[in-house]
Amino acid sequence: MPRNGSLTISEKILLVLQEKGCCSLEELERYTKVRRNELLVYLTKMTRQGIVTRSWGHFAGKKYRKYCLKTTLKKELNLS
């Protein structure tokens, strides 16, 4: 099936995480222009596949979830 030049949601997430390192859900939503609920579905799938890691970040007394590209994947792709 030929592609029309647009990126998939997974590819958009990977590009943003490769560029920024780690991002919160709100940042990913802003950079990829994908809705929050749809992002959560893709990020959960990518975490189960071992592509993305999740951890908690703290800023100004609030906790937020941050998503990072796994370091082993960065080494495989020579991104580090």
PDB file of N, CA and C in Angstrom:
ATOM      1  N   MET A   1       0.842  -1.171   0.000  1.00  0.00           N
ATOM      2  CA  MET A   1       0.000   0.000   0.000  1.00  0.00           C
ATOM      3  C   MET A   1       0.893   1.242   0.000  1.00  0.00           C
ATOM      4  N   PRO A   2       0.813   2.073  -1.011  1.00  0.00           N
ATOM      5  CA  PRO A   2       1.672   3.256  -1.081  1.00  0.00           C
ATOM      6  C   PRO A   2       1.262   4.309  -0.058  1.00  0.00           C
ATOM      7  N   ARG A   3       2.279   5.001   0.462  1.00  0.00           N
ATOM      8  CA  ARG A   3       2.022   6.066   1.427  1.00  0.00           C
ATOM      9  C   ARG A   3       1.960   7.396   0.704  1.00  0.00           C
ATOM     10  N   ASN A   4       1.196   8.300   1.248  1.00  0.00           N
ATOM     11  CA  ASN A   4       1.036   9.600   0.608  1.00  0.00           C
ATOM     12  C   ASN A   4       1.966  10.661   1.190  1.00  0.00           C
ATOM     13  N   GLY A   5       3.016  10.246   1.878  1.00  0.00           N
ATOM     14  CA  GLY A   5       3.985  11.195   2.401  1.00  0.00           C
ATOM     15  C   GLY A   5       3.721  11.669   3.814  1.00  0.00           C
ATOM     16  N   SER A   6       2.638  11.250   4.429  1.00  0.00           N
ATOM     17  CA  SER A   6       2.366  11.670   5.802  1.00  0.00           C
ATOM     18  C   SER A   6       2.967  10.660   6.777  1.00  0.00           C
ATOM     19  N   LEU A   7       3.291  11.139   7.971  1.00  0.00           N
ATOM     20  CA  LEU A   7       3.870  10.282   8.999  1.00  0.00           C
ATOM     21  C   LEU A   7       2.773   9.629   9.830  1.00  0.00           C
ATOM     22  N   THR A   8       3.049   8.432  10.325  1.00  0.00           N
ATOM     23  CA  THR A   8       2.112   7.796  11.238  1.00  0.00           C
ATOM     24  C   THR A   8       2.275   8.443  12.618  1.00  0.00           C
ATOM     25  N   ILE A   9       1.352   8.170  13.505  1.00  0.00           N
ATOM     26  CA  ILE A   9       1.416   8.741  14.849  1.00  0.00           C
ATOM     27  C   ILE A   9       2.647   8.225  15.588  1.00  0.00           C
ATOM     28  N   SER A  10       2.958   6.957  15.438  1.00  0.00           N
ATOM     29  CA  SER A  10       4.145   6.390  16.080  1.00  0.00           C
ATOM     30  C   SER A  10       5.414   7.078  15.589  1.00  0.00           C
ATOM     31  N   GLU A  11       5.488   7.342  14.298  1.00  0.00           N
ATOM     32  CA  GLU A  11       6.661   8.024  13.738  1.00  0.00           C
ATOM     33  C   GLU A  11       6.776   9.451  14.258  1.00  0.00           C
ATOM     34  N   LYS A  12       5.640  10.124  14.394  1.00  0.00           N
ATOM     35  CA  LYS A  12       5.652  11.490  14.939  1.00  0.00           C
ATOM     36  C   LYS A  12       6.171  11.492  16.373  1.00  0.00           C
ATOM     37  N   ILE A  13       5.698  10.536  17.173  1.00  0.00           N
ATOM     38  CA  ILE A  13       6.136  10.440  18.568  1.00  0.00           C
ATOM     39  C   ILE A  13       7.635  10.174  18.626  1.00  0.00           C
ATOM     40  N   LEU A  14       8.120   9.246  17.813  1.00  0.00           N
ATOM     41  CA  LEU A  14       9.541   8.917  17.808  1.00  0.00           C
ATOM     42  C   LEU A  14      10.393  10.112  17.393  1.00  0.00           C
ATOM     43  N   LEU A  15       9.944  10.863  16.411  1.00  0.00           N
ATOM     44  CA  LEU A  15      10.702  12.034  15.972  1.00  0.00           C
ATOM     45  C   LEU A  15      10.799  13.081  17.069  1.00  0.00           C
ATOM     46  N   VAL A  16       9.699  13.321  17.763  1.00  0.00           N
ATOM     47  CA  VAL A  16       9.707  14.325  18.837  1.00  0.00           C
ATOM     48  C   VAL A  16      10.599  13.868  19.983  1.00  0.00           C
ATOM     49  N   LEU A  17      10.468  12.605  20.387  1.00  0.00           N
ATOM     50  CA  LEU A  17      11.280  12.104  21.496  1.00  0.00           C
ATOM     51  C   LEU A  17      12.762  12.050  21.128  1.00  0.00           C
ATOM     52  N   GLN A  18      13.073  11.779  19.884  1.00  0.00           N
ATOM     53  CA  GLN A  18      14.463  11.767  19.441  1.00  0.00           C
ATOM     54  C   GLN A  18      15.051  13.174  19.499  1.00  0.00           C
ATOM     55  N   GLU A  19      14.256  14.154  19.158  1.00  0.00           N
ATOM     56  CA  GLU A  19      14.720  15.543  19.162  1.00  0.00           C
ATOM     57  C   GLU A  19      14.794  16.127  20.572  1.00  0.00           C
ATOM     58  N   LYS A  20      13.761  15.910  21.382  1.00  0.00           N
ATOM     59  CA  LYS A  20      13.656  16.544  22.694  1.00  0.00           C
ATOM     60  C   LYS A  20      14.238  15.715  23.836  1.00  0.00           C
ATOM     61  N   GLY A  21      14.387  14.433  23.649  1.00  0.00           N
ATOM     62  CA  GLY A  21      14.857  13.566  24.729  1.00  0.00           C
ATOM     63  C   GLY A  21      13.686  12.986  25.493  1.00  0.00           C
ATOM     64  N   CYS A  22      13.140  13.734  26.436  1.00  0.00           N
ATOM     65  CA  CYS A  22      11.971  13.318  27.209  1.00  0.00           C
ATOM     66  C   CYS A  22      10.908  14.405  27.116  1.00  0.00           C
ATOM     67  N   CYS A  23       9.650  13.993  27.108  1.00  0.00           N
ATOM     68  CA  CYS A  23       8.549  14.950  27.008  1.00  0.00           C
ATOM     69  C   CYS A  23       7.393  14.514  27.892  1.00  0.00           C
ATOM     70  N   SER A  24       6.636  15.493  28.344  1.00  0.00           N
ATOM     71  CA  SER A  24       5.399  15.196  29.053  1.00  0.00           C
ATOM     72  C   SER A  24       4.306  14.943  28.012  1.00  0.00           C
ATOM     73  N   LEU A  25       3.180  14.477  28.482  1.00  0.00           N
ATOM     74  CA  LEU A  25       2.059  14.211  27.584  1.00  0.00           C
ATOM     75  C   LEU A  25       1.584  15.503  26.905  1.00  0.00           C
ATOM     76  N   GLU A  26       1.554  16.589  27.655  1.00  0.00           N
ATOM     77  CA  GLU A  26       1.112  17.869  27.105  1.00  0.00           C
ATOM     78  C   GLU A  26       2.065  18.359  26.013  1.00  0.00           C
ATOM     79  N   GLU A  27       3.365  18.166  26.228  1.00  0.00           N
ATOM     80  CA  GLU A  27       4.340  18.574  25.213  1.00  0.00           C
ATOM     81  C   GLU A  27       4.191  17.735  23.947  1.00  0.00           C
ATOM     82  N   LEU A  28       4.016  16.431  24.119  1.00  0.00           N
ATOM     83  CA  LEU A  28       3.817  15.567  22.954  1.00  0.00           C
ATOM     84  C   LEU A  28       2.555  15.947  22.192  1.00  0.00           C
ATOM     85  N   GLU A  29       1.520  16.291  22.934  1.00  0.00           N
ATOM     86  CA  GLU A  29       0.263  16.707  22.315  1.00  0.00           C
ATOM     87  C   GLU A  29       0.479  17.972  21.478  1.00  0.00           C
ATOM     88  N   ARG A  30       1.251  18.895  22.004  1.00  0.00           N
ATOM     89  CA  ARG A  30       1.505  20.163  21.308  1.00  0.00           C
ATOM     90  C   ARG A  30       2.393  19.963  20.079  1.00  0.00           C
ATOM     91  N   TYR A  31       3.445  19.157  20.208  1.00  0.00           N
ATOM     92  CA  TYR A  31       4.393  18.984  19.111  1.00  0.00           C
ATOM     93  C   TYR A  31       3.871  18.095  17.985  1.00  0.00           C
ATOM     94  N   THR A  32       3.068  17.078  18.319  1.00  0.00           N
ATOM     95  CA  THR A  32       2.600  16.139  17.296  1.00  0.00           C
ATOM     96  C   THR A  32       1.237  16.500  16.719  1.00  0.00           C
ATOM     97  N   LYS A  33       0.490  17.362  17.409  1.00  0.00           N
ATOM     98  CA  LYS A  33      -0.873  17.740  16.990  1.00  0.00           C
ATOM     99  C   LYS A  33      -1.823  16.540  16.986  1.00  0.00           C
ATOM    100  N   VAL A  34      -1.599  15.624  17.940  1.00  0.00           N
ATOM    101  CA  VAL A  34      -2.437  14.433  18.102  1.00  0.00           C
ATOM    102  C   VAL A  34      -3.182  14.570  19.415  1.00  0.00           C
ATOM    103  N   ARG A  35      -4.445  14.129  19.438  1.00  0.00           N
ATOM    104  CA  ARG A  35      -5.249  14.246  20.660  1.00  0.00           C
ATOM    105  C   ARG A  35      -4.674  13.420  21.805  1.00  0.00           C
ATOM    106  N   ARG A  36      -4.941  13.880  23.013  1.00  0.00           N
ATOM    107  CA  ARG A  36      -4.399  13.286  24.231  1.00  0.00           C
ATOM    108  C   ARG A  36      -4.737  11.800  24.368  1.00  0.00           C
ATOM    109  N   ASN A  37      -6.003  11.444  24.185  1.00  0.00           N
ATOM    110  CA  ASN A  37      -6.430  10.045  24.348  1.00  0.00           C
ATOM    111  C   ASN A  37      -5.762   9.133  23.329  1.00  0.00           C
ATOM    112  N   GLU A  38      -5.602   9.620  22.115  1.00  0.00           N
ATOM    113  CA  GLU A  38      -4.956   8.829  21.068  1.00  0.00           C
ATOM    114  C   GLU A  38      -3.460   8.650  21.379  1.00  0.00           C
ATOM    115  N   LEU A  39      -2.841   9.708  21.889  1.00  0.00           N
ATOM    116  CA  LEU A  39      -1.436   9.622  22.291  1.00  0.00           C
ATOM    117  C   LEU A  39      -1.238   8.577  23.382  1.00  0.00           C
ATOM    118  N   LEU A  40      -2.144   8.559  24.355  1.00  0.00           N
ATOM    119  CA  LEU A  40      -2.037   7.595  25.451  1.00  0.00           C
ATOM    120  C   LEU A  40      -2.076   6.163  24.944  1.00  0.00           C
ATOM    121  N   VAL A  41      -2.919   5.895  23.964  1.00  0.00           N
ATOM    122  CA  VAL A  41      -3.018   4.552  23.390  1.00  0.00           C
ATOM    123  C   VAL A  41      -1.700   4.167  22.726  1.00  0.00           C
ATOM    124  N   TYR A  42      -1.159   5.062  21.906  1.00  0.00           N
ATOM    125  CA  TYR A  42       0.085   4.766  21.197  1.00  0.00           C
ATOM    126  C   TYR A  42       1.272   4.665  22.145  1.00  0.00           C
ATOM    127  N   LEU A  43       1.331   5.542  23.149  1.00  0.00           N
ATOM    128  CA  LEU A  43       2.439   5.493  24.100  1.00  0.00           C
ATOM    129  C   LEU A  43       2.412   4.207  24.924  1.00  0.00           C
ATOM    130  N   THR A  44       1.212   3.736  25.285  1.00  0.00           N
ATOM    131  CA  THR A  44       1.091   2.473  26.014  1.00  0.00           C
ATOM    132  C   THR A  44       1.581   1.310  25.160  1.00  0.00           C
ATOM    133  N   LYS A  45       1.194   1.294  23.886  1.00  0.00           N
ATOM    134  CA  LYS A  45       1.652   0.235  22.982  1.00  0.00           C
ATOM    135  C   LYS A  45       3.164   0.270  22.810  1.00  0.00           C
ATOM    136  N   MET A  46       3.710   1.469  22.663  1.00  0.00           N
ATOM    137  CA  MET A  46       5.157   1.607  22.459  1.00  0.00           C
ATOM    138  C   MET A  46       5.937   1.233  23.721  1.00  0.00           C
ATOM    139  N   THR A  47       5.341   1.464  24.886  1.00  0.00           N
ATOM    140  CA  THR A  47       5.978   1.059  26.139  1.00  0.00           C
ATOM    141  C   THR A  47       6.008  -0.459  26.245  1.00  0.00           C
ATOM    142  N   ARG A  48       4.917  -1.105  25.895  1.00  0.00           N
ATOM    143  CA  ARG A  48       4.867  -2.571  25.932  1.00  0.00           C
ATOM    144  C   ARG A  48       5.837  -3.198  24.942  1.00  0.00           C
ATOM    145  N   GLN A  49       6.082  -2.514  23.813  1.00  0.00           N
ATOM    146  CA  GLN A  49       7.021  -3.012  22.807  1.00  0.00           C
ATOM    147  C   GLN A  49       8.471  -2.746  23.201  1.00  0.00           C
ATOM    148  N   GLY A  50       8.675  -1.926  24.219  1.00  0.00           N
ATOM    149  CA  GLY A  50      10.025  -1.640  24.682  1.00  0.00           C
ATOM    150  C   GLY A  50      10.712  -0.505  23.947  1.00  0.00           C
ATOM    151  N   ILE A  51       9.953   0.374  23.319  1.00  0.00           N
ATOM    152  CA  ILE A  51      10.515   1.495  22.567  1.00  0.00           C
ATOM    153  C   ILE A  51      10.618   2.737  23.434  1.00  0.00           C
ATOM    154  N   VAL A  52       9.636   2.929  24.309  1.00  0.00           N
ATOM    155  CA  VAL A  52       9.535   4.132  25.136  1.00  0.00           C
ATOM    156  C   VAL A  52       9.505   3.726  26.606  1.00  0.00           C
ATOM    157  N   THR A  53      10.110   4.562  27.453  1.00  0.00           N
ATOM    158  CA  THR A  53      10.022   4.344  28.902  1.00  0.00           C
ATOM    159  C   THR A  53       9.191   5.456  29.518  1.00  0.00           C
ATOM    160  N   ARG A  54       8.539   5.140  30.644  1.00  0.00           N
ATOM    161  CA  ARG A  54       7.746   6.124  31.376  1.00  0.00           C
ATOM    162  C   ARG A  54       8.347   6.318  32.752  1.00  0.00           C
ATOM    163  N   SER A  55       8.322   7.545  33.220  1.00  0.00           N
ATOM    164  CA  SER A  55       8.777   7.822  34.577  1.00  0.00           C
ATOM    165  C   SER A  55       8.037   9.064  35.071  1.00  0.00           C
ATOM    166  N   TRP A  56       8.230   9.349  36.355  1.00  0.00           N
ATOM    167  CA  TRP A  56       7.578  10.508  36.937  1.00  0.00           C
ATOM    168  C   TRP A  56       8.558  11.667  37.014  1.00  0.00           C
ATOM    169  N   GLY A  57       8.082  12.843  36.647  1.00  0.00           N
ATOM    170  CA  GLY A  57       8.870  14.060  36.779  1.00  0.00           C
ATOM    171  C   GLY A  57       8.212  14.960  37.809  1.00  0.00           C
ATOM    172  N   HIS A  58       8.990  15.838  38.402  1.00  0.00           N
ATOM    173  CA  HIS A  58       8.473  16.766  39.404  1.00  0.00           C
ATOM    174  C   HIS A  58       8.842  18.178  38.980  1.00  0.00           C
ATOM    175  N   PHE A  59       7.872  19.060  39.001  1.00  0.00           N
ATOM    176  CA  PHE A  59       8.119  20.449  38.653  1.00  0.00           C
ATOM    177  C   PHE A  59       7.168  21.321  39.456  1.00  0.00           C
ATOM    178  N   ALA A  60       7.709  22.258  40.199  1.00  0.00           N
ATOM    179  CA  ALA A  60       6.921  23.206  40.996  1.00  0.00           C
ATOM    180  C   ALA A  60       5.944  22.495  41.926  1.00  0.00           C
ATOM    181  N   GLY A  61       6.388  21.404  42.536  1.00  0.00           N
ATOM    182  CA  GLY A  61       5.560  20.685  43.496  1.00  0.00           C
ATOM    183  C   GLY A  61       4.492  19.803  42.882  1.00  0.00           C
ATOM    184  N   LYS A  62       4.485  19.646  41.566  1.00  0.00           N
ATOM    185  CA  LYS A  62       3.497  18.792  40.902  1.00  0.00           C
ATOM    186  C   LYS A  62       4.201  17.636  40.219  1.00  0.00           C
ATOM    187  N   LYS A  63       3.518  16.490  40.194  1.00  0.00           N
ATOM    188  CA  LYS A  63       4.041  15.320  39.513  1.00  0.00           C
ATOM    189  C   LYS A  63       3.439  15.241  38.119  1.00  0.00           C
ATOM    190  N   TYR A  64       4.250  14.846  37.160  1.00  0.00           N
ATOM    191  CA  TYR A  64       3.740  14.606  35.822  1.00  0.00           C
ATOM    192  C   TYR A  64       4.471  13.410  35.229  1.00  0.00           C
ATOM    193  N   ARG A  65       3.846  12.760  34.276  1.00  0.00           N
ATOM    194  CA  ARG A  65       4.423  11.587  33.629  1.00  0.00           C
ATOM    195  C   ARG A  65       5.286  12.060  32.478  1.00  0.00           C
ATOM    196  N   LYS A  66       6.526  11.567  32.406  1.00  0.00           N
ATOM    197  CA  LYS A  66       7.358  11.915  31.271  1.00  0.00           C
ATOM    198  C   LYS A  66       7.701  10.657  30.490  1.00  0.00           C
ATOM    199  N   TYR A  67       7.787  10.811  29.196  1.00  0.00           N
ATOM    200  CA  TYR A  67       8.039   9.711  28.277  1.00  0.00           C
ATOM    201  C   TYR A  67       9.374   9.947  27.593  1.00  0.00           C
ATOM    202  N   CYS A  68      10.209   8.897  27.551  1.00  0.00           N
ATOM    203  CA  CYS A  68      11.551   9.003  26.969  1.00  0.00           C
ATOM    204  C   CYS A  68      11.778   7.854  25.997  1.00  0.00           C
ATOM    205  N   LEU A  69      12.602   8.121  25.009  1.00  0.00           N
ATOM    206  CA  LEU A  69      13.036   7.077  24.094  1.00  0.00           C
ATOM    207  C   LEU A  69      14.048   6.210  24.826  1.00  0.00           C
ATOM    208  N   LYS A  70      13.935   4.899  24.726  1.00  0.00           N
ATOM    209  CA  LYS A  70      14.857   4.006  25.443  1.00  0.00           C
ATOM    210  C   LYS A  70      16.277   4.202  24.950  1.00  0.00           C
ATOM    211  N   THR A  71      17.228   4.151  25.865  1.00  0.00           N
ATOM    212  CA  THR A  71      18.629   4.386  25.503  1.00  0.00           C
ATOM    213  C   THR A  71      19.174   3.297  24.590  1.00  0.00           C
ATOM    214  N   THR A  72      18.702   2.071  24.743  1.00  0.00           N
ATOM    215  CA  THR A  72      19.174   0.999  23.856  1.00  0.00           C
ATOM    216  C   THR A  72      18.739   1.264  22.416  1.00  0.00           C
ATOM    217  N   LEU A  73      17.543   1.822  22.252  1.00  0.00           N
ATOM    218  CA  LEU A  73      17.064   2.152  20.915  1.00  0.00           C
ATOM    219  C   LEU A  73      17.874   3.305  20.336  1.00  0.00           C
ATOM    220  N   LYS A  74      18.234   4.280  21.170  1.00  0.00           N
ATOM    221  CA  LYS A  74      19.066   5.395  20.710  1.00  0.00           C
ATOM    222  C   LYS A  74      20.408   4.881  20.211  1.00  0.00           C
ATOM    223  N   LYS A  75      21.003   3.925  20.939  1.00  0.00           N
ATOM    224  CA  LYS A  75      22.299   3.375  20.543  1.00  0.00           C
ATOM    225  C   LYS A  75      22.173   2.604  19.240  1.00  0.00           C
ATOM    226  N   GLU A  76      21.089   1.843  19.067  1.00  0.00           N
ATOM    227  CA  GLU A  76      20.877   1.088  17.840  1.00  0.00           C
ATOM    228  C   GLU A  76      20.781   2.009  16.639  1.00  0.00           C
ATOM    229  N   LEU A  77      20.110   3.154  16.823  1.00  0.00           N
ATOM    230  CA  LEU A  77      19.904   4.098  15.727  1.00  0.00           C
ATOM    231  C   LEU A  77      21.001   5.149  15.628  1.00  0.00           C
ATOM    232  N   ASN A  78      22.028   5.036  16.494  1.00  0.00           N
ATOM    233  CA  ASN A  78      23.132   6.004  16.548  1.00  0.00           C
ATOM    234  C   ASN A  78      22.650   7.424  16.769  1.00  0.00           C
ATOM    235  N   LEU A  79      21.735   7.601  17.722  1.00  0.00           N
ATOM    236  CA  LEU A  79      21.184   8.923  18.031  1.00  0.00           C
ATOM    237  C   LEU A  79      21.836   9.570  19.237  1.00  0.00           C
ATOM    238  N   SER A  80      22.570   8.809  20.035  1.00  0.00           N
ATOM    239  CA  SER A  80      23.144   9.379  21.255  1.00  0.00           C
ATOM    240  C   SER A  80      24.477  10.034  21.024  1.00  0.00           C
TER     241      SER A  80
END
